[in-house]
Amino acid sequence: MKHKMIWIAVLVFLSSCSPLLQPNFETPIVSVSSITILPSDDIVPTFEIGLHVVNPNRVALKLQGLSYQVELEGHQVLFGVANQLPTIEAYGEGDVVLEARPDLFSTLKLFGELMNHPRDAVNYTFDASLDVGVLFPKIKVTKSGVISLNDSP
């Protein structure tokens, strides 16, 4: 009876690792879908960051956790973690919404630089690390670009 229980435990473990045993496991695609400022009466705004995740695999992607940071002109202004994340079904897509508040001192330093050296645009970098479980490597995402500060298109 004891040996039977061990074999059942081994089979359950192997079935939970089945994505690892698949040589064709593809890295999911993660894109930044939005960054907006939420309405607030606070002096420090809250930002909402939207991510879109595409799972090109035949197994569901169970997101365990996520850490992220946003830099503007080299200043880390937003950062955080999340652990209430959706499961992205096999061959499916899903959205993750994060709320972040800026680091006050980094933001003040950035605004000081922008006041002393006005410009039409700022460079940004978004870095995230998605944890899909201990048996998989973390999925790293880096997006960079330029945000226009002009009102005209």
Protein backbone atom coordinates (compact mmCIF):
# COMPACT_ATOMS: atom_id res chain seq x y z
CA MET A 1 0.00 0.00 0.00
CA LYS A 2 2.87 2.37 0.88
CA HIS A 3 4.53 1.82 -2.52
CA LYS A 4 1.24 2.50 -4.28
CA MET A 5 0.96 5.89 -2.53
CA ILE A 6 4.52 6.78 -3.54
CA TRP A 7 3.76 5.98 -7.19
CA ILE A 8 0.58 8.07 -7.07
CA ALA A 9 2.58 11.00 -5.62
CA VAL A 10 5.21 10.62 -8.36
CA LEU A 11 2.54 10.58 -11.08
CA VAL A 12 0.85 13.68 -9.65
CA PHE A 13 4.21 15.47 -9.50
CA LEU A 14 5.09 14.52 -13.07
CA SER A 15 1.71 15.62 -14.38
CA SER A 16 2.14 19.01 -12.70
CA CYS A 17 5.56 19.34 -14.37
CA SER A 18 4.29 18.32 -17.79
CA PRO A 19 5.02 21.74 -19.36
CA LEU A 20 8.68 21.25 -18.43
CA LEU A 21 8.71 17.94 -20.17
CA GLN A 22 7.44 19.55 -23.37
CA PRO A 23 10.38 20.62 -25.50
CA ASN A 24 8.16 23.01 -27.48
CA PHE A 25 7.20 25.27 -24.54
CA GLU A 26 7.17 28.83 -25.91
CA THR A 27 7.79 31.96 -23.88
CA PRO A 28 4.53 33.88 -23.44
CA ILE A 29 4.32 37.33 -25.03
CA VAL A 30 3.77 40.25 -22.66
CA SER A 31 3.05 43.78 -23.84
CA VAL A 32 2.25 47.04 -22.08
CA SER A 33 -1.29 47.94 -23.15
CA SER A 34 -1.76 51.13 -21.11
CA ILE A 35 -0.35 53.48 -18.50
CA THR A 36 -2.88 55.94 -17.11
CA ILE A 37 -3.22 58.25 -14.11
CA LEU A 38 -6.19 57.38 -11.90
CA PRO A 39 -8.40 60.20 -10.56
CA SER A 40 -7.43 61.06 -7.00
CA ASP A 41 -7.48 63.84 -4.41
CA ASP A 42 -4.00 62.88 -3.21
CA ILE A 43 -0.92 64.95 -3.96
CA VAL A 44 0.85 61.82 -5.26
CA PRO A 45 -1.06 60.25 -8.18
CA THR A 46 -1.80 56.56 -8.60
CA PHE A 47 -1.00 55.01 -11.95
CA GLU A 48 -2.70 52.05 -13.57
CA ILE A 49 -0.50 49.88 -15.75
CA GLY A 50 -2.17 47.42 -18.10
CA LEU A 51 -0.34 44.36 -19.40
CA HIS A 52 -1.59 42.00 -22.08
CA VAL A 53 -0.35 38.39 -21.91
CA VAL A 54 -0.55 35.92 -24.81
CA ASN A 55 0.01 32.24 -24.02
CA PRO A 56 1.04 30.33 -27.19
CA ASN A 57 1.24 27.00 -25.34
CA ARG A 58 -1.04 23.99 -24.93
CA VAL A 59 -0.98 24.33 -21.12
CA ALA A 60 -2.44 27.08 -18.95
CA LEU A 61 -0.04 29.73 -17.64
CA LYS A 62 -0.58 30.08 -13.89
CA LEU A 63 0.95 33.42 -12.91
CA GLN A 64 2.26 33.19 -9.33
CA GLY A 65 3.64 36.70 -8.99
CA LEU A 66 5.00 39.72 -10.80
CA SER A 67 7.48 42.47 -10.00
CA TYR A 68 7.91 45.61 -12.09
CA GLN A 69 9.50 49.04 -12.34
CA VAL A 70 9.11 52.06 -14.58
CA GLU A 71 11.94 54.50 -15.25
CA LEU A 72 11.61 57.95 -16.79
CA GLU A 73 14.86 59.51 -18.00
CA GLY A 74 16.77 56.97 -15.89
CA HIS A 75 14.85 57.71 -12.67
CA GLN A 76 12.95 54.81 -11.13
CA VAL A 77 9.59 56.46 -10.53
CA LEU A 78 7.21 53.48 -10.24
CA PHE A 79 7.78 50.00 -8.84
CA GLY A 80 5.85 47.26 -7.17
CA VAL A 81 4.72 43.67 -6.96
CA ALA A 82 1.48 41.78 -7.47
CA ASN A 83 0.31 38.31 -6.51
CA GLN A 84 -3.41 38.31 -7.34
CA LEU A 85 -2.99 37.38 -10.98
CA PRO A 86 -5.15 35.53 -13.50
CA THR A 87 -4.46 32.19 -15.13
CA ILE A 88 -3.94 32.58 -18.87
CA GLU A 89 -5.56 29.58 -20.52
CA ALA A 90 -3.80 27.46 -23.13
CA TYR A 91 -3.70 29.28 -26.49
CA GLY A 92 -5.39 32.18 -24.74
CA GLU A 93 -4.89 35.80 -23.84
CA GLY A 94 -5.51 37.80 -20.71
CA ASP A 95 -4.99 41.17 -19.11
CA VAL A 96 -3.22 42.09 -15.90
CA VAL A 97 -3.90 45.46 -14.27
CA LEU A 98 -1.40 46.90 -11.78
CA GLU A 99 -1.75 49.96 -9.56
CA ALA A 100 1.39 51.86 -8.66
CA ARG A 101 2.28 55.01 -6.76
CA PRO A 102 5.44 56.90 -7.65
CA ASP A 103 8.54 57.22 -5.52
CA LEU A 104 8.21 60.82 -4.35
CA PHE A 105 11.91 61.71 -4.20
CA SER A 106 12.78 60.19 -7.59
CA THR A 107 9.80 61.97 -9.11
CA LEU A 108 10.80 65.32 -7.59
CA LYS A 109 14.34 64.89 -8.89
CA LEU A 110 12.97 64.10 -12.37
CA PHE A 111 10.70 67.17 -12.32
CA GLY A 112 13.64 69.31 -11.22
CA GLU A 113 15.65 68.07 -14.19
CA LEU A 114 12.75 68.70 -16.56
CA MET A 115 12.33 72.26 -15.22
CA ASN A 116 16.06 73.01 -15.61
CA HIS A 117 16.32 71.32 -19.02
CA PRO A 118 12.92 71.47 -20.76
CA ARG A 119 12.31 68.93 -23.52
CA ASP A 120 9.55 67.78 -25.82
CA ALA A 121 9.71 64.11 -24.82
CA VAL A 122 11.02 61.77 -22.11
CA ASN A 123 12.47 58.29 -22.45
CA TYR A 124 10.82 55.48 -20.51
CA THR A 125 11.70 51.89 -19.67
CA PHE A 126 9.28 49.33 -18.26
CA ASP A 127 10.78 46.18 -16.74
CA ALA A 128 8.75 43.28 -15.38
CA SER A 129 9.46 39.77 -14.19
CA LEU A 130 6.60 37.25 -14.25
CA ASP A 131 6.83 34.19 -12.01
CA VAL A 132 5.06 31.14 -13.45
CA GLY A 133 6.22 28.73 -10.75
CA VAL A 134 9.43 27.32 -9.34
CA LEU A 135 9.89 24.84 -12.17
CA PHE A 136 10.03 27.53 -14.86
CA PRO A 137 12.42 30.44 -15.36
CA LYS A 138 10.89 33.85 -14.77
CA ILE A 139 9.63 35.63 -17.86
CA LYS A 140 11.47 38.94 -18.26
CA VAL A 141 9.85 41.82 -20.12
CA THR A 142 11.52 45.11 -21.04
CA LYS A 143 9.80 47.80 -23.07
CA SER A 144 11.38 51.14 -23.91
CA GLY A 145 10.20 54.16 -25.78
CA VAL A 146 9.57 57.86 -25.79
CA ILE A 147 6.62 59.75 -24.29
CA SER A 148 5.82 63.04 -26.00
CA LEU A 149 5.23 65.99 -23.68
CA ASN A 150 3.64 68.11 -26.44
CA ASP A 151 -0.13 68.53 -26.57
CA SER A 152 -0.16 68.52 -30.36
CA PRO A 153 -0.10 65.19 -32.28
